[in-house]
PDB file of N, CA and C in Angstrom:
ATOM      1  N   UNK A   1      67.156   1.713 -16.790  1.00  0.00           N
ATOM      2  CA  UNK A   1      66.852   2.731 -15.628  1.00  0.00           C
ATOM      3  C   UNK A   1      65.558   3.646 -16.426  1.00  0.00           C
ATOM      4  N   UNK A   2      64.746   4.302 -15.496  1.00  0.00           N
ATOM      5  CA  UNK A   2      64.012   5.011 -16.253  1.00  0.00           C
ATOM      6  C   UNK A   2      64.148   6.885 -15.444  1.00  0.00           C
ATOM      7  N   UNK A   3      64.425   7.604 -15.067  1.00  0.00           N
ATOM      8  CA  UNK A   3      64.927   9.221 -14.586  1.00  0.00           C
ATOM      9  C   UNK A   3      63.786  10.379 -14.126  1.00  0.00           C
ATOM     10  N   UNK A   4      63.270  10.659 -13.529  1.00  0.00           N
ATOM     11  CA  UNK A   4      62.140  11.530 -13.439  1.00  0.00           C
ATOM     12  C   UNK A   4      62.160  12.682 -12.919  1.00  0.00           C
ATOM     13  N   UNK A   5      62.261  13.803 -13.664  1.00  0.00           N
ATOM     14  CA  UNK A   5      63.181  15.067 -12.769  1.00  0.00           C
ATOM     15  C   UNK A   5      61.940  15.381 -12.228  1.00  0.00           C
ATOM     16  N   UNK A   6      61.728  16.099 -10.884  1.00  0.00           N
ATOM     17  CA  UNK A   6      60.822  16.671 -10.323  1.00  0.00           C
ATOM     18  C   UNK A   6      61.075  17.909  -9.866  1.00  0.00           C
ATOM     19  N   UNK A   7      61.845  18.333  -9.836  1.00  0.00           N
ATOM     20  CA  UNK A   7      61.906  19.945  -9.211  1.00  0.00           C
ATOM     21  C   UNK A   7      63.686  19.824  -9.994  1.00  0.00           C
ATOM     22  N   UNK A   8      63.871  21.585 -10.126  1.00  0.00           N
ATOM     23  CA  UNK A   8      64.514  21.463 -10.369  1.00  0.00           C
ATOM     24  C   UNK A   8      65.234  22.788  -9.678  1.00  0.00           C
ATOM     25  N   UNK A   9      65.869  22.977  -8.625  1.00  0.00           N
ATOM     26  CA  UNK A   9      66.093  24.615  -7.747  1.00  0.00           C
ATOM     27  C   UNK A   9      67.378  25.067  -7.847  1.00  0.00           C
ATOM     28  N   UNK A  10      67.690  25.598  -7.402  1.00  0.00           N
ATOM     29  CA  UNK A  10      69.329  26.998  -6.995  1.00  0.00           C
ATOM     30  C   UNK A  10      69.074  26.325  -5.161  1.00  0.00           C
ATOM     31  N   UNK A  11      70.425  25.668  -4.873  1.00  0.00           N
ATOM     32  CA  UNK A  11      71.077  25.697  -3.209  1.00  0.00           C
ATOM     33  C   UNK A  11      72.154  26.834  -3.435  1.00  0.00           C
ATOM     34  N   UNK A  12      71.893  28.094  -2.343  1.00  0.00           N
ATOM     35  CA  UNK A  12      73.075  29.019  -1.886  1.00  0.00           C
ATOM     36  C   UNK A  12      73.565  28.651  -1.090  1.00  0.00           C
ATOM     37  N   UNK A  13      74.719  28.962  -0.947  1.00  0.00           N
ATOM     38  CA  UNK A  13      75.436  28.969   0.513  1.00  0.00           C
ATOM     39  C   UNK A  13      74.850  29.446   1.701  1.00  0.00           C
ATOM     40  N   UNK A  14      75.002  28.473   2.634  1.00  0.00           N
ATOM     41  CA  UNK A  14      73.959  28.929   3.951  1.00  0.00           C
ATOM     42  C   UNK A  14      74.223  30.162   4.660  1.00  0.00           C
ATOM     43  N   UNK A  15      75.395  30.312   5.134  1.00  0.00           N
ATOM     44  CA  UNK A  15      76.306  31.545   4.765  1.00  0.00           C
ATOM     45  C   UNK A  15      76.947  32.406   3.838  1.00  0.00           C
ATOM     46  N   UNK A  16      77.141  34.161   4.203  1.00  0.00           N
ATOM     47  CA  UNK A  16      77.578  34.908   3.401  1.00  0.00           C
ATOM     48  C   UNK A  16      78.862  34.168   3.026  1.00  0.00           C
ATOM     49  N   UNK A  17      79.029  34.500   1.773  1.00  0.00           N
ATOM     50  CA  UNK A  17      80.546  34.016   0.949  1.00  0.00           C
ATOM     51  C   UNK A  17      81.565  35.467   0.733  1.00  0.00           C
ATOM     52  N   UNK A  18      82.722  35.251   0.361  1.00  0.00           N
ATOM     53  CA  UNK A  18      83.556  36.781   0.363  1.00  0.00           C
ATOM     54  C   UNK A  18      83.114  37.326  -1.031  1.00  0.00           C
ATOM     55  N   UNK A  19      82.699  38.163  -1.950  1.00  0.00           N
ATOM     56  CA  UNK A  19      82.549  38.464  -3.491  1.00  0.00           C
ATOM     57  C   UNK A  19      83.276  39.508  -3.570  1.00  0.00           C
ATOM     58  N   UNK A  20      83.899  38.258  -4.203  1.00  0.00           N
ATOM     59  CA  UNK A  20      85.014  38.882  -4.936  1.00  0.00           C
ATOM     60  C   UNK A  20      85.826  37.885  -6.363  1.00  0.00           C
ATOM     61  N   UNK A  21      87.140  38.241  -7.170  1.00  0.00           N
ATOM     62  CA  UNK A  21      87.210  37.487  -8.266  1.00  0.00           C
ATOM     63  C   UNK A  21      88.545  36.624  -7.811  1.00  0.00           C
ATOM     64  N   UNK A  22      88.307  35.242  -8.774  1.00  0.00           N
ATOM     65  CA  UNK A  22      89.961  34.674  -8.480  1.00  0.00           C
ATOM     66  C   UNK A  22      90.434  34.356  -9.285  1.00  0.00           C
ATOM     67  N   UNK A  23      91.736  34.594  -8.944  1.00  0.00           N
ATOM     68  CA  UNK A  23      92.666  33.801 -10.279  1.00  0.00           C
ATOM     69  C   UNK A  23      92.985  32.927 -10.178  1.00  0.00           C
ATOM     70  N   UNK A  24      93.170  31.968 -11.795  1.00  0.00           N
ATOM     71  CA  UNK A  24      93.486  31.454 -12.293  1.00  0.00           C
ATOM     72  C   UNK A  24      95.002  31.145 -11.967  1.00  0.00           C
ATOM     73  N   UNK A  25      95.315  29.783 -11.660  1.00  0.00           N
ATOM     74  CA  UNK A  25      96.738  30.167 -11.686  1.00  0.00           C
ATOM     75  C   UNK A  25      97.318  29.197 -13.203  1.00  0.00           C
ATOM     76  N   UNK A  26      99.268  29.664 -13.509  1.00  0.00           N
ATOM     77  CA  UNK A  26      98.861  29.191 -14.549  1.00  0.00           C
ATOM     78  C   UNK A  26      98.770  27.696 -15.569  1.00  0.00           C
ATOM     79  N   UNK A  27      98.895  27.317 -14.181  1.00  0.00           N
ATOM     80  CA  UNK A  27      98.424  25.250 -14.876  1.00  0.00           C
ATOM     81  C   UNK A  27      97.074  25.304 -14.994  1.00  0.00           C
ATOM     82  N   UNK A  28      96.170  26.050 -14.175  1.00  0.00           N
ATOM     83  CA  UNK A  28      94.505  26.290 -14.631  1.00  0.00           C
ATOM     84  C   UNK A  28      94.465  26.825 -15.859  1.00  0.00           C
ATOM     85  N   UNK A  29      95.120  27.477 -16.858  1.00  0.00           N
ATOM     86  CA  UNK A  29      95.226  28.160 -17.654  1.00  0.00           C
ATOM     87  C   UNK A  29      95.946  27.729 -19.061  1.00  0.00           C
ATOM     88  N   UNK A  30      96.009  26.435 -18.922  1.00  0.00           N
ATOM     89  CA  UNK A  30      96.832  25.413 -19.969  1.00  0.00           C
ATOM     90  C   UNK A  30      96.374  24.559 -19.856  1.00  0.00           C
ATOM     91  N   UNK A  31      95.840  23.660 -18.343  1.00  0.00           N
ATOM     92  CA  UNK A  31      95.365  22.058 -18.542  1.00  0.00           C
ATOM     93  C   UNK A  31      93.881  22.795 -18.770  1.00  0.00           C
ATOM     94  N   UNK A  32      93.712  21.832 -20.003  1.00  0.00           N
ATOM     95  CA  UNK A  32      91.929  21.471 -20.247  1.00  0.00           C
ATOM     96  C   UNK A  32      90.922  21.364 -19.367  1.00  0.00           C
ATOM     97  N   UNK A  33      89.813  21.586 -19.065  1.00  0.00           N
ATOM     98  CA  UNK A  33      88.721  21.540 -18.326  1.00  0.00           C
ATOM     99  C   UNK A  33      88.040  20.101 -18.678  1.00  0.00           C
ATOM    100  N   UNK A  34      88.429  19.456 -17.584  1.00  0.00           N
ATOM    101  CA  UNK A  34      87.982  17.820 -18.357  1.00  0.00           C
ATOM    102  C   UNK A  34      86.350  17.677 -17.603  1.00  0.00           C
ATOM    103  N   UNK A  35      85.890  16.942 -17.201  1.00  0.00           N
ATOM    104  CA  UNK A  35      84.855  16.660 -16.243  1.00  0.00           C
ATOM    105  C   UNK A  35      84.483  15.137 -16.173  1.00  0.00           C
ATOM    106  N   UNK A  36      84.280  14.314 -14.860  1.00  0.00           N
ATOM    107  CA  UNK A  36      84.255  13.173 -14.759  1.00  0.00           C
ATOM    108  C   UNK A  36      83.272  12.122 -14.853  1.00  0.00           C
ATOM    109  N   UNK A  37      82.292  12.191 -15.862  1.00  0.00           N
ATOM    110  CA  UNK A  37      81.247  11.429 -15.632  1.00  0.00           C
ATOM    111  C   UNK A  37      80.886  10.349 -14.279  1.00  0.00           C
ATOM    112  N   UNK A  38      79.947  10.447 -13.343  1.00  0.00           N
ATOM    113  CA  UNK A  38      79.886   9.097 -12.698  1.00  0.00           C
ATOM    114  C   UNK A  38      78.016   9.167 -11.705  1.00  0.00           C
ATOM    115  N   UNK A  39      77.883   7.962 -11.792  1.00  0.00           N
ATOM    116  CA  UNK A  39      76.617   8.101 -11.074  1.00  0.00           C
ATOM    117  C   UNK A  39      77.123   6.719  -9.864  1.00  0.00           C
ATOM    118  N   UNK A  40      76.596   7.251  -8.729  1.00  0.00           N
ATOM    119  CA  UNK A  40      76.767   6.422  -7.812  1.00  0.00           C
ATOM    120  C   UNK A  40      75.059   6.471  -6.957  1.00  0.00           C
ATOM    121  N   UNK A  41      74.863   5.132  -6.965  1.00  0.00           N
ATOM    122  CA  UNK A  41      73.981   3.825  -6.397  1.00  0.00           C
ATOM    123  C   UNK A  41      74.262   3.470  -5.098  1.00  0.00           C
ATOM    124  N   UNK A  42      73.252   3.674  -4.254  1.00  0.00           N
ATOM    125  CA  UNK A  42      72.921   3.632  -3.211  1.00  0.00           C
ATOM    126  C   UNK A  42      71.729   2.633  -2.289  1.00  0.00           C
ATOM    127  N   UNK A  43      72.214   1.711  -1.803  1.00  0.00           N
ATOM    128  CA  UNK A  43      71.331   1.012  -1.053  1.00  0.00           C
ATOM    129  C   UNK A  43      69.998   1.297  -0.407  1.00  0.00           C
ATOM    130  N   UNK A  44      69.148   1.173  -0.472  1.00  0.00           N
ATOM    131  CA  UNK A  44      68.290   1.610   0.241  1.00  0.00           C
ATOM    132  C   UNK A  44      68.039   0.734   1.628  1.00  0.00           C
ATOM    133  N   UNK A  45      68.504   2.241   2.700  1.00  0.00           N
ATOM    134  CA  UNK A  45      68.225   1.921   4.364  1.00  0.00           C
ATOM    135  C   UNK A  45      66.955   1.616   4.870  1.00  0.00           C
ATOM    136  N   UNK A  46      65.973   2.072   4.968  1.00  0.00           N
ATOM    137  CA  UNK A  46      64.650   1.833   5.090  1.00  0.00           C
ATOM    138  C   UNK A  46      64.180   2.646   6.143  1.00  0.00           C
ATOM    139  N   UNK A  47      65.696   4.150   6.403  1.00  0.00           N
ATOM    140  CA  UNK A  47      65.168   4.805   7.224  1.00  0.00           C
ATOM    141  C   UNK A  47      64.447   5.981   5.949  1.00  0.00           C
ATOM    142  N   UNK A  48      63.358   6.752   6.972  1.00  0.00           N
ATOM    143  CA  UNK A  48      62.214   7.458   6.614  1.00  0.00           C
ATOM    144  C   UNK A  48      62.937   8.742   5.203  1.00  0.00           C
ATOM    145  N   UNK A  49      64.164   9.498   6.084  1.00  0.00           N
ATOM    146  CA  UNK A  49      64.667  10.533   5.174  1.00  0.00           C
ATOM    147  C   UNK A  49      65.972   9.920   4.679  1.00  0.00           C
ATOM    148  N   UNK A  50      66.318   8.531   4.099  1.00  0.00           N
ATOM    149  CA  UNK A  50      67.264   8.340   3.165  1.00  0.00           C
ATOM    150  C   UNK A  50      67.658   8.872   1.613  1.00  0.00           C
ATOM    151  N   UNK A  51      66.482   9.700   1.578  1.00  0.00           N
ATOM    152  CA  UNK A  51      66.703  10.521   0.378  1.00  0.00           C
ATOM    153  C   UNK A  51      66.141  11.927   0.096  1.00  0.00           C
ATOM    154  N   UNK A  52      66.046  12.023   1.156  1.00  0.00           N
ATOM    155  CA  UNK A  52      65.343  13.552   1.579  1.00  0.00           C
ATOM    156  C   UNK A  52      65.736  14.186   0.904  1.00  0.00           C
ATOM    157  N   UNK A  53      64.551  15.004  -0.241  1.00  0.00           N
ATOM    158  CA  UNK A  53      65.990  16.381  -0.931  1.00  0.00           C
ATOM    159  C   UNK A  53      65.833  17.696   0.754  1.00  0.00           C
ATOM    160  N   UNK A  54      65.654  18.183   1.414  1.00  0.00           N
ATOM    161  CA  UNK A  54      65.803  19.120   2.143  1.00  0.00           C
ATOM    162  C   UNK A  54      66.853  18.644   2.847  1.00  0.00           C
ATOM    163  N   UNK A  55      67.217  17.367   3.035  1.00  0.00           N
ATOM    164  CA  UNK A  55      68.116  17.061   4.355  1.00  0.00           C
ATOM    165  C   UNK A  55      69.549  17.272   2.813  1.00  0.00           C
ATOM    166  N   UNK A  56      69.754  16.808   1.635  1.00  0.00           N
ATOM    167  CA  UNK A  56      70.525  16.835   0.804  1.00  0.00           C
ATOM    168  C   UNK A  56      70.677  18.196   0.377  1.00  0.00           C
ATOM    169  N   UNK A  57      69.525  19.539   0.543  1.00  0.00           N
ATOM    170  CA  UNK A  57      69.735  20.394   0.092  1.00  0.00           C
ATOM    171  C   UNK A  57      70.598  21.504   1.292  1.00  0.00           C
ATOM    172  N   UNK A  58      70.488  21.131   2.257  1.00  0.00           N
ATOM    173  CA  UNK A  58      71.229  21.749   3.258  1.00  0.00           C
ATOM    174  C   UNK A  58      72.748  21.323   3.603  1.00  0.00           C
ATOM    175  N   UNK A  59      72.474  20.199   3.403  1.00  0.00           N
ATOM    176  CA  UNK A  59      73.774  19.246   3.640  1.00  0.00           C
ATOM    177  C   UNK A  59      74.503  20.231   2.503  1.00  0.00           C
ATOM    178  N   UNK A  60      74.351  20.561   1.228  1.00  0.00           N
ATOM    179  CA  UNK A  60      75.365  20.536   0.378  1.00  0.00           C
ATOM    180  C   UNK A  60      75.235  22.717   0.546  1.00  0.00           C
ATOM    181  N   UNK A  61      74.528  23.355   0.733  1.00  0.00           N
ATOM    182  CA  UNK A  61      73.913  24.454   1.447  1.00  0.00           C
ATOM    183  C   UNK A  61      75.237  24.799   2.305  1.00  0.00           C
ATOM    184  N   UNK A  62      75.425  24.192   3.513  1.00  0.00           N
ATOM    185  CA  UNK A  62      76.335  24.053   4.393  1.00  0.00           C
ATOM    186  C   UNK A  62      77.981  23.605   3.970  1.00  0.00           C
ATOM    187  N   UNK A  63      77.776  22.539   2.836  1.00  0.00           N
ATOM    188  CA  UNK A  63      79.719  22.719   2.408  1.00  0.00           C
ATOM    189  C   UNK A  63      79.961  23.676   1.050  1.00  0.00           C
ATOM    190  N   UNK A  64      78.999  24.089   0.541  1.00  0.00           N
ATOM    191  CA  UNK A  64      79.078  25.953  -0.143  1.00  0.00           C
ATOM    192  C   UNK A  64      79.793  26.743   0.485  1.00  0.00           C
ATOM    193  N   UNK A  65      79.718  27.154   1.960  1.00  0.00           N
ATOM    194  CA  UNK A  65      80.475  28.068   2.895  1.00  0.00           C
ATOM    195  C   UNK A  65      81.938  27.971   2.754  1.00  0.00           C
ATOM    196  N   UNK A  66      82.362  27.108   2.975  1.00  0.00           N
ATOM    197  CA  UNK A  66      83.666  26.739   3.052  1.00  0.00           C
ATOM    198  C   UNK A  66      84.610  26.537   1.689  1.00  0.00           C
ATOM    199  N   UNK A  67      83.897  25.871   0.685  1.00  0.00           N
ATOM    200  CA  UNK A  67      84.040  25.939  -1.002  1.00  0.00           C
ATOM    201  C   UNK A  67      83.486  26.707  -1.762  1.00  0.00           C
ATOM    202  N   UNK A  68      83.069  28.365  -1.604  1.00  0.00           N
ATOM    203  CA  UNK A  68      83.022  28.753  -2.222  1.00  0.00           C
ATOM    204  C   UNK A  68      82.997  29.041  -3.784  1.00  0.00           C
ATOM    205  N   UNK A  69      84.472  29.038  -3.498  1.00  0.00           N
ATOM    206  CA  UNK A  69      85.009  29.334  -5.131  1.00  0.00           C
ATOM    207  C   UNK A  69      83.886  27.967  -6.041  1.00  0.00           C
ATOM    208  N   UNK A  70      84.045  26.959  -5.568  1.00  0.00           N
ATOM    209  CA  UNK A  70      83.113  25.945  -6.367  1.00  0.00           C
ATOM    210  C   UNK A  70      81.864  25.998  -6.813  1.00  0.00           C
ATOM    211  N   UNK A  71      80.940  27.279  -5.730  1.00  0.00           N
ATOM    212  CA  UNK A  71      79.756  27.359  -5.687  1.00  0.00           C
ATOM    213  C   UNK A  71      79.342  27.794  -7.372  1.00  0.00           C
ATOM    214  N   UNK A  72      78.031  27.678  -8.306  1.00  0.00           N
ATOM    215  CA  UNK A  72      77.519  28.329  -9.274  1.00  0.00           C
ATOM    216  C   UNK A  72      76.794  27.048  -9.769  1.00  0.00           C
ATOM    217  N   UNK A  73      76.689  27.403 -11.078  1.00  0.00           N
ATOM    218  CA  UNK A  73      74.857  26.367 -11.309  1.00  0.00           C
ATOM    219  C   UNK A  73      75.722  24.933 -12.384  1.00  0.00           C
ATOM    220  N   UNK A  74      74.730  24.003 -11.807  1.00  0.00           N
ATOM    221  CA  UNK A  74      75.372  22.864 -12.333  1.00  0.00           C
ATOM    222  C   UNK A  74      74.211  22.372 -13.318  1.00  0.00           C
TER     223      UNK A  74
END
């Protein structure tokens, strides 16, 4: 499979989020960070907005409001 990157962009939360530091719990400090790499494949539905970048950016922007501690650079 060949993947071509057409654009790289920053998605910000749709609303203002608290600007404060968050402390890690003791468990967060002793358990090593890990990343589970995964790739998801979906069959095209034929809809014109099946993989519309604007729709994906808008959804991520809305999701980052309640989950603002997860916001950052990927």
